[in-house]
Amino acid sequence: MDDTPGDKQPMRVLYCILDNRFGGPHRLAETTARHLRPLGVETLFLLGRKTDEPWRPDDFESFFGRYIQAFTWHRPVRNFARFCLFLPRNLLKIRKIIRSRRIDIVHIDGSMTFVPALAAACTRTPIVWLYNDHPFGPLRWFLRLLLTVLASKVIVQGERLQPLYAGGSARLRNKTVVLRSTVDTAALAPDRYDAGRRQAVRAELGVPADCTLVGAVGNVNRFKGYEYLVEAAAQIKKEIGPVKFLIVGRKADADPRYWEALQQSAGRLGVAKDIIYTGFRDDVMRILSVLDVFVLPSTLESCPVAVLEAMAMRVPVVATDVGAVSEEVIDGVTGLLVPSRDAAAIADAVVTHLRRPRQETDQMLSAARHRVETVFSLSEVVRQQKSVYEELLSH
């Protein structure tokens, strides 16, 4: 009989994410899972439970685990005590899932999601570990050691991240493969939004029709660098005139001082009434369709999905040169790169975009969309991810 996908049992992958609050990593994981399914890979999800209204990926079996995060900024001692108390129970629960669901591969998202990795090691299940976060100090050394010992393959999301994350470990470097972020460009279609629909979105957000709109997408935390966008807002307003700034993402409840500092800075600079915080939105495509410029002001990143979404939606991009962002944004060709922690550079780049001749802008936006469709092709990333799984199972 021919060896066709219909003749085989699906490969079963348990995809583990520490945070159940929907964001870029969740969009990426769900998008690739949907496109892996027709290729004979069935994905199940294991999520940490940080809220009482957790995100569940539609049409995929999912499980939740409480207190599977060892280290937190908010109440770290109490959280670590709960983590230790629940660790034996969580290990037994995850081992049971792996065995009862006949899991072939455990795919870990984030270096701090190590409880599922320990459970997978106990069942001798191959581990694919996505290293896309930024632990500090001794914690970084400890987590790198876990990756080196437990992971069968370590994924990073850009060429620039490979030496950064592997450090001086030849063993970790030999396990590491590059698998870029991706988006479904078929779902990111700017032509769906005519002037009428865009105006309706602006009205919903409280943005006047004749007002320039600059926006950023990402949860409000220190790594996203929003203090530099707030500072840049004052200069942009001075040079452009009527302008609003949209920040789309959750407020970091674990870091109230950062939120308070943003509000104080905006008040001091005279832009408090010009900044709109939308909170979490599940209609990012609609929001992107009305932006005049998208800004990524982050101080730390891996390979952010939000930048690819903005490029695919043909929105001019200003992004800080951190992580693998320079592999997404080619400076002067598909967007503008600026140094991190530099509000003046952000402001200058935004103003440059807004004053650029329309023909030059259209060329840049076409180049950006083309780069997402080719270099960050969904079909190619899905093919590579399946190949990583198959290589492990073949051994």
Protein backbone atom coordinates (compact mmCIF):
# COMPACT_ATOMS: atom_id res chain seq x y z
CA MET A 1 0.00 0.00 0.00
CA ASP A 2 1.23 3.55 -0.74
CA ASP A 3 2.66 5.47 2.17
CA THR A 4 0.13 8.30 2.30
CA PRO A 5 -0.85 10.50 5.26
CA GLY A 6 -4.16 8.66 5.48
CA ASP A 7 -2.35 5.37 6.16
CA LYS A 8 -0.62 6.69 9.29
CA GLN A 9 -1.67 7.60 12.78
CA PRO A 10 -1.22 11.36 13.34
CA MET A 11 1.91 12.46 15.13
CA ARG A 12 0.77 13.88 18.49
CA VAL A 13 2.47 16.97 19.95
CA LEU A 14 1.84 18.48 23.38
CA TYR A 15 2.51 22.22 23.04
CA CYS A 16 3.20 23.86 26.43
CA ILE A 17 2.86 27.60 27.13
CA LEU A 18 3.30 29.01 30.63
CA ASP A 19 0.82 31.90 30.28
CA ASN A 20 -2.80 31.34 29.30
CA ARG A 21 -3.37 35.04 28.48
CA PHE A 22 -3.58 35.32 24.71
CA GLY A 23 -0.71 37.04 22.90
CA GLY A 24 1.82 36.73 20.08
CA PRO A 25 3.20 33.29 21.11
CA HIS A 26 -0.35 31.92 21.27
CA ARG A 27 -1.25 33.27 17.82
CA LEU A 28 1.92 31.72 16.41
CA ALA A 29 1.35 28.35 18.10
CA GLU A 30 -2.29 28.11 17.06
CA THR A 31 -1.58 29.21 13.48
CA THR A 32 1.14 26.61 12.96
CA ALA A 33 -0.95 23.92 14.69
CA ARG A 34 -3.82 24.49 12.25
CA HIS A 35 -1.52 24.14 9.28
CA LEU A 36 0.29 21.11 10.71
CA ARG A 37 -2.98 19.21 11.17
CA PRO A 38 -3.54 18.42 7.44
CA LEU A 39 0.09 17.21 7.32
CA GLY A 40 -0.57 14.53 9.94
CA VAL A 41 0.45 16.41 13.11
CA GLU A 42 -2.18 16.77 15.83
CA THR A 43 -1.42 19.38 18.50
CA LEU A 44 -2.70 19.35 22.07
CA PHE A 45 -2.10 22.35 24.35
CA LEU A 46 -0.96 22.55 27.96
CA LEU A 47 -1.30 26.03 29.46
CA GLY A 48 -0.43 27.58 32.78
CA ARG A 49 -3.47 29.12 34.43
CA LYS A 50 -2.87 32.75 35.42
CA THR A 51 -6.44 34.01 35.00
CA ASP A 52 -9.91 32.65 35.69
CA GLU A 53 -10.89 33.20 32.05
CA PRO A 54 -8.15 31.31 30.23
CA TRP A 55 -7.58 31.28 26.50
CA ARG A 56 -8.46 28.00 24.83
CA PRO A 57 -7.41 27.32 21.24
CA ASP A 58 -10.53 26.51 19.22
CA ASP A 59 -10.87 22.91 18.03
CA PHE A 60 -7.79 21.69 19.92
CA GLU A 61 -7.77 19.62 23.09
CA SER A 62 -6.25 21.65 25.92
CA PHE A 63 -5.24 21.19 29.56
CA PHE A 64 -4.39 23.63 32.35
CA GLY A 65 -1.92 23.53 35.21
CA ARG A 66 -1.84 25.82 38.25
CA TYR A 67 1.41 27.00 39.79
CA ILE A 68 3.68 25.55 37.12
CA GLN A 69 5.72 28.79 36.98
CA ALA A 70 8.54 28.75 39.51
CA PHE A 71 9.72 32.35 39.28
CA THR A 72 7.55 35.46 39.17
CA TRP A 73 8.06 39.18 39.74
CA HIS A 74 4.83 39.47 41.75
CA ARG A 75 4.98 37.92 45.25
CA PRO A 76 7.92 35.68 44.32
CA VAL A 77 8.32 33.94 47.72
CA ARG A 78 4.64 32.99 48.04
CA ASN A 79 4.51 31.86 44.41
CA PHE A 80 7.65 29.71 44.76
CA ALA A 81 6.21 28.04 47.88
CA ARG A 82 3.05 27.17 45.94
CA PHE A 83 5.13 25.98 43.01
CA CYS A 84 7.04 23.56 45.25
CA LEU A 85 3.85 22.37 46.95
CA PHE A 86 2.12 21.62 43.64
CA LEU A 87 5.20 20.31 41.79
CA PRO A 88 4.68 16.55 42.51
CA ARG A 89 1.00 16.79 41.57
CA ASN A 90 1.75 18.73 38.39
CA LEU A 91 4.46 16.29 37.33
CA LEU A 92 2.09 13.34 37.81
CA LYS A 93 -0.70 15.15 35.95
CA ILE A 94 1.48 16.00 32.94
CA ARG A 95 3.00 12.49 32.83
CA LYS A 96 -0.54 11.10 32.76
CA ILE A 97 -1.45 13.40 29.85
CA ILE A 98 1.64 12.36 27.91
CA ARG A 99 0.90 8.65 28.39
CA SER A 100 -2.89 8.66 28.07
CA ARG A 101 -2.85 10.84 24.94
CA ARG A 102 0.10 8.92 23.44
CA ILE A 103 2.16 12.08 22.99
CA ASP A 104 5.11 11.69 20.60
CA ILE A 105 6.76 15.11 21.10
CA VAL A 106 6.58 17.66 23.91
CA HIS A 107 7.08 21.17 22.52
CA ILE A 108 8.01 23.72 25.22
CA ASP A 109 7.47 27.46 24.66
CA GLY A 110 9.83 29.54 26.82
CA SER A 111 12.86 28.62 28.88
CA MET A 112 10.96 28.96 32.19
CA THR A 113 8.33 26.39 31.18
CA PHE A 114 10.42 23.58 32.61
CA VAL A 115 7.86 21.52 34.59
CA PRO A 116 6.44 19.91 31.40
CA ALA A 117 10.03 19.24 30.32
CA LEU A 118 10.73 17.36 33.56
CA ALA A 119 7.56 15.31 33.06
CA ALA A 120 8.54 14.57 29.45
CA ALA A 121 12.01 13.48 30.56
CA CYS A 122 10.44 11.04 33.03
CA THR A 123 8.51 9.42 30.18
CA ARG A 124 11.48 9.59 27.76
CA THR A 125 9.45 11.70 25.35
CA PRO A 126 11.54 13.86 22.97
CA ILE A 127 11.52 17.56 23.89
CA VAL A 128 11.55 20.47 21.43
CA TRP A 129 12.26 23.62 23.42
CA LEU A 130 11.61 27.12 22.07
CA TYR A 131 14.03 29.56 23.72
CA ASN A 132 12.38 32.94 23.17
CA ASP A 133 12.56 34.77 26.50
CA HIS A 134 15.11 36.66 28.57
CA PRO A 135 15.91 35.24 32.03
CA PHE A 136 18.46 37.19 34.06
CA GLY A 137 21.59 36.44 36.07
CA PRO A 138 21.92 33.05 37.80
CA LEU A 139 18.46 32.08 36.57
CA ARG A 140 19.71 32.27 32.98
CA TRP A 141 22.57 29.89 33.80
CA PHE A 142 20.22 27.43 35.52
CA LEU A 143 17.68 27.42 32.67
CA ARG A 144 20.40 27.05 30.02
CA LEU A 145 21.65 24.02 31.92
CA LEU A 146 18.15 22.51 31.86
CA LEU A 147 17.85 23.14 28.12
CA THR A 148 21.26 21.59 27.51
CA VAL A 149 20.48 18.46 29.53
CA LEU A 150 16.79 17.88 28.73
CA ALA A 151 16.08 19.25 25.25
CA SER A 152 16.38 17.09 22.16
CA LYS A 153 16.21 20.22 19.97
CA VAL A 154 16.33 23.89 20.93
CA ILE A 155 14.56 26.37 18.66
CA VAL A 156 15.50 30.05 18.34
CA GLN A 157 13.61 32.46 16.12
CA GLY A 158 16.47 34.18 14.31
CA GLU A 159 20.07 33.81 13.20
CA ARG A 160 21.15 36.61 15.52
CA LEU A 161 19.69 34.78 18.52
CA GLN A 162 21.64 31.56 18.01
CA PRO A 163 24.98 32.72 19.52
CA LEU A 164 23.21 34.91 22.09
CA TYR A 165 21.11 32.11 23.56
CA ALA A 166 23.65 29.30 23.23
CA GLY A 167 26.30 31.31 25.08
CA GLY A 168 29.59 29.43 25.24
CA SER A 169 28.00 25.98 25.31
CA ALA A 170 28.98 23.93 22.26
CA ARG A 171 26.53 21.21 23.30
CA LEU A 172 23.62 23.65 23.41
CA ARG A 173 24.71 25.27 20.16
CA ASN A 174 24.74 21.87 18.40
CA LYS A 175 21.14 21.25 19.50
CA THR A 176 19.94 24.63 18.29
CA VAL A 177 18.00 25.23 15.06
CA VAL A 178 16.53 28.44 13.66
CA LEU A 179 12.77 28.40 13.14
CA ARG A 180 11.41 31.86 12.42
CA SER A 181 8.17 33.42 13.57
CA THR A 182 5.42 33.47 10.97
CA VAL A 183 1.91 34.77 10.32
CA ASP A 184 -0.93 33.69 8.07
CA THR A 185 -0.83 36.37 5.38
CA ALA A 186 -4.09 35.03 3.90
CA ALA A 187 -5.83 36.23 7.08
CA LEU A 188 -3.96 39.55 7.09
CA ALA A 189 -5.57 41.24 4.10
CA PRO A 190 -5.42 45.06 4.15
CA ASP A 191 -7.64 45.30 1.05
CA ARG A 192 -10.60 44.12 3.15
CA TYR A 193 -10.66 47.49 4.87
CA ASP A 194 -11.99 50.32 2.74
CA ALA A 195 -12.27 53.92 3.91
CA GLY A 196 -15.70 53.32 5.44
CA ARG A 197 -14.63 50.34 7.55
CA ARG A 198 -11.46 52.11 8.69
CA GLN A 199 -13.46 55.15 9.73
CA ALA A 200 -15.81 52.94 11.74
CA VAL A 201 -12.85 51.45 13.63
CA ARG A 202 -11.44 54.93 14.33
CA ALA A 203 -14.81 56.11 15.61
CA GLU A 204 -15.00 53.07 17.90
CA LEU A 205 -11.58 53.99 19.31
CA GLY A 206 -12.49 57.66 19.67
CA VAL A 207 -9.98 58.85 17.06
CA PRO A 208 -11.04 61.78 14.81
CA ALA A 209 -10.99 61.18 11.06
CA ASP A 210 -8.42 63.95 10.44
CA CYS A 211 -6.03 62.81 13.21
CA THR A 212 -2.78 60.92 12.62
CA LEU A 213 -2.75 57.58 14.47
CA VAL A 214 0.46 55.94 15.71
CA GLY A 215 0.12 52.57 17.41
CA ALA A 216 1.91 49.75 19.19
CA VAL A 217 0.74 46.21 19.98
CA GLY A 218 2.06 44.32 23.00
CA ASN A 219 1.36 43.88 26.69
CA VAL A 220 2.26 46.88 28.83
CA ASN A 221 5.43 45.79 30.63
CA ARG A 222 8.98 47.08 31.03
CA PHE A 223 10.43 44.94 28.23
CA LYS A 224 8.14 46.63 25.69
CA GLY A 225 9.76 50.03 26.25
CA TYR A 226 6.56 52.07 26.25
CA GLU A 227 8.22 54.81 28.31
CA TYR A 228 10.26 55.67 25.22
CA LEU A 229 7.14 55.79 23.04
CA VAL A 230 5.47 58.13 25.55
CA GLU A 231 8.52 60.38 25.49
CA ALA A 232 8.63 60.28 21.68
CA ALA A 233 4.92 61.16 21.55
CA ALA A 234 5.59 64.68 22.81
CA GLN A 235 8.10 65.37 20.03
CA ILE A 236 5.88 63.79 17.34
CA LYS A 237 2.92 65.88 18.48
CA LYS A 238 5.03 69.05 18.32
CA GLU A 239 6.11 68.34 14.72
CA ILE A 240 2.98 66.73 13.25
CA GLY A 241 0.06 68.41 14.98
CA PRO A 242 -3.12 66.45 15.81
CA VAL A 243 -2.00 62.90 16.61
CA LYS A 244 -3.19 60.05 18.81
CA PHE A 245 -1.14 57.16 20.15
CA LEU A 246 -2.71 53.73 20.52
CA ILE A 247 -1.26 51.13 22.90
CA VAL A 248 -2.91 47.73 22.47
CA GLY A 249 -2.21 45.21 25.22
CA ARG A 250 -2.84 44.19 28.81
CA LYS A 251 -1.60 46.21 31.73
CA ALA A 252 1.01 44.29 33.76
CA ASP A 253 -0.79 43.70 37.07
CA ALA A 254 2.43 42.35 38.57
CA ASP A 255 4.21 45.68 38.01
CA PRO A 256 1.86 48.53 39.01
CA ARG A 257 4.78 50.94 39.46
CA TYR A 258 5.59 50.75 35.77
CA TRP A 259 2.01 51.65 34.84
CA GLU A 260 2.03 54.56 37.30
CA ALA A 261 5.34 55.81 35.91
CA LEU A 262 3.91 55.79 32.36
CA GLN A 263 0.91 57.87 33.45
CA GLN A 264 3.09 60.35 35.31
CA SER A 265 5.44 60.70 32.35
CA ALA A 266 2.55 61.25 29.92
CA GLY A 267 1.09 63.92 32.21
CA ARG A 268 4.40 65.70 32.62
CA LEU A 269 4.99 65.73 28.84
CA GLY A 270 1.47 66.93 28.04
CA VAL A 271 0.38 63.85 26.05
CA ALA A 272 -1.83 62.07 28.59
CA LYS A 273 -5.00 62.89 26.61
CA ASP A 274 -3.38 61.79 23.36
CA ILE A 275 -2.61 58.20 24.44
CA ILE A 276 -5.34 55.57 24.20
CA TYR A 277 -4.86 52.30 26.10
CA THR A 278 -7.20 49.72 24.61
CA GLY A 279 -6.32 46.80 26.84
CA PHE A 280 -6.38 43.34 25.27
CA ARG A 281 -7.98 43.15 21.80
CA ASP A 282 -8.67 40.02 19.78
CA ASP A 283 -9.16 42.04 16.56
CA VAL A 284 -5.58 43.11 15.92
CA MET A 285 -6.09 43.09 12.13
CA ARG A 286 -8.86 45.72 12.45
CA ILE A 287 -6.65 47.87 14.68
CA LEU A 288 -3.67 47.66 12.32
CA SER A 289 -5.84 48.67 9.37
CA VAL A 290 -6.31 52.19 10.80
CA LEU A 291 -2.73 52.95 11.87
CA ASP A 292 -0.61 55.48 10.02
CA VAL A 293 2.58 54.14 11.65
CA PHE A 294 3.27 51.05 13.78
CA VAL A 295 5.96 51.32 16.48
CA LEU A 296 7.80 48.56 18.33
CA PRO A 297 9.70 50.40 21.13
CA SER A 298 10.88 47.23 22.93
CA THR A 299 14.12 46.93 24.86
CA LEU A 300 14.05 43.10 24.70
CA GLU A 301 12.49 40.87 22.03
CA SER A 302 12.96 37.62 20.20
CA CYS A 303 11.22 37.70 16.79
CA PRO A 304 7.93 39.51 17.49
CA VAL A 305 4.81 38.41 15.64
CA ALA A 306 3.32 41.92 15.94
CA VAL A 307 5.96 43.35 13.59
CA LEU A 308 5.19 40.72 10.94
CA GLU A 309 1.46 41.42 11.29
CA ALA A 310 2.01 45.15 10.76
CA MET A 311 4.22 44.51 7.73
CA ALA A 312 1.66 42.12 6.25
CA MET A 313 -1.07 44.70 6.80
CA ARG A 314 1.01 47.27 4.89
CA VAL A 315 1.54 49.62 7.83
CA PRO A 316 4.82 51.62 7.96
CA VAL A 317 6.98 50.16 10.75
CA VAL A 318 9.42 51.77 13.19
CA ALA A 319 11.14 49.15 15.36
CA THR A 320 14.00 49.03 17.81
CA ASP A 321 16.99 46.95 16.75
CA VAL A 322 16.74 44.23 19.40
CA GLY A 323 16.67 40.43 19.19
CA ALA A 324 16.01 39.26 15.64
CA VAL A 325 13.95 42.32 14.68
CA SER A 326 16.57 43.32 12.10
CA GLU A 327 15.83 40.03 10.29
CA GLU A 328 12.19 41.14 9.99
CA VAL A 329 12.74 44.84 9.25
CA ILE A 330 15.41 45.70 6.68
CA ASP A 331 16.25 49.29 7.54
CA GLY A 332 15.17 51.71 4.84
CA VAL A 333 13.70 48.92 2.69
CA THR A 334 10.82 47.32 4.62
CA GLY A 335 10.69 49.77 7.54
CA LEU A 336 12.94 51.82 9.81
CA LEU A 337 15.17 50.48 12.58
CA VAL A 338 16.21 52.64 15.54
CA PRO A 339 18.42 52.03 18.60
CA SER A 340 16.62 50.79 21.69
CA ARG A 341 16.00 53.18 24.61
CA ASP A 342 16.16 56.20 22.27
CA ALA A 343 12.92 58.22 22.27
CA ALA A 344 14.34 60.89 19.94
CA ALA A 345 15.22 58.26 17.33
CA ILE A 346 11.71 56.79 17.53
CA ALA A 347 10.17 60.23 17.06
CA ASP A 348 12.43 61.10 14.11
CA ALA A 349 11.64 57.79 12.38
CA VAL A 350 7.87 58.21 12.84
CA VAL A 351 8.01 61.74 11.45
CA THR A 352 10.14 60.51 8.53
CA HIS A 353 7.46 57.95 7.65
CA LEU A 354 4.66 60.49 7.89
CA ARG A 355 6.48 62.98 5.64
CA ARG A 356 7.67 60.45 3.06
CA PRO A 357 6.25 60.81 -0.49
CA ARG A 358 3.35 58.39 -1.09
CA GLN A 359 5.15 56.56 -3.91
CA GLU A 360 8.16 55.80 -1.70
CA THR A 361 5.86 54.65 1.10
CA ASP A 362 4.00 52.30 -1.25
CA GLN A 363 7.28 50.77 -2.43
CA MET A 364 8.38 50.16 1.16
CA LEU A 365 5.02 48.63 2.12
CA SER A 366 5.06 46.31 -0.89
CA ALA A 367 8.60 45.20 0.00
CA ALA A 368 7.53 44.59 3.60
CA ARG A 369 4.53 42.46 2.60
CA HIS A 370 6.72 40.49 0.15
CA ARG A 371 9.31 39.81 2.86
CA VAL A 372 6.68 38.39 5.19
CA GLU A 373 5.26 36.20 2.40
CA THR A 374 8.68 34.80 1.45
CA VAL A 375 11.28 34.91 4.22
CA PHE A 376 8.64 34.34 6.92
CA SER A 377 6.44 32.08 4.82
CA LEU A 378 3.92 30.15 6.88
CA SER A 379 4.13 27.08 4.66
CA GLU A 380 7.93 27.00 4.94
CA VAL A 381 7.95 27.42 8.73
CA VAL A 382 5.32 24.67 9.08
CA ARG A 383 7.39 22.38 6.84
CA GLN A 384 10.52 23.05 8.91
CA GLN A 385 8.71 22.47 12.19
CA LYS A 386 7.35 19.14 10.97
CA SER A 387 10.85 18.17 9.80
CA VAL A 388 12.22 18.83 13.30
CA TYR A 389 9.56 16.55 14.76
CA GLU A 390 10.18 13.82 12.19
CA GLU A 391 13.92 13.89 12.71
CA LEU A 392 13.49 13.30 16.44
CA LEU A 393 11.02 10.46 15.95
CA SER A 394 13.24 8.80 13.37
CA HIS A 395 15.92 8.49 16.05
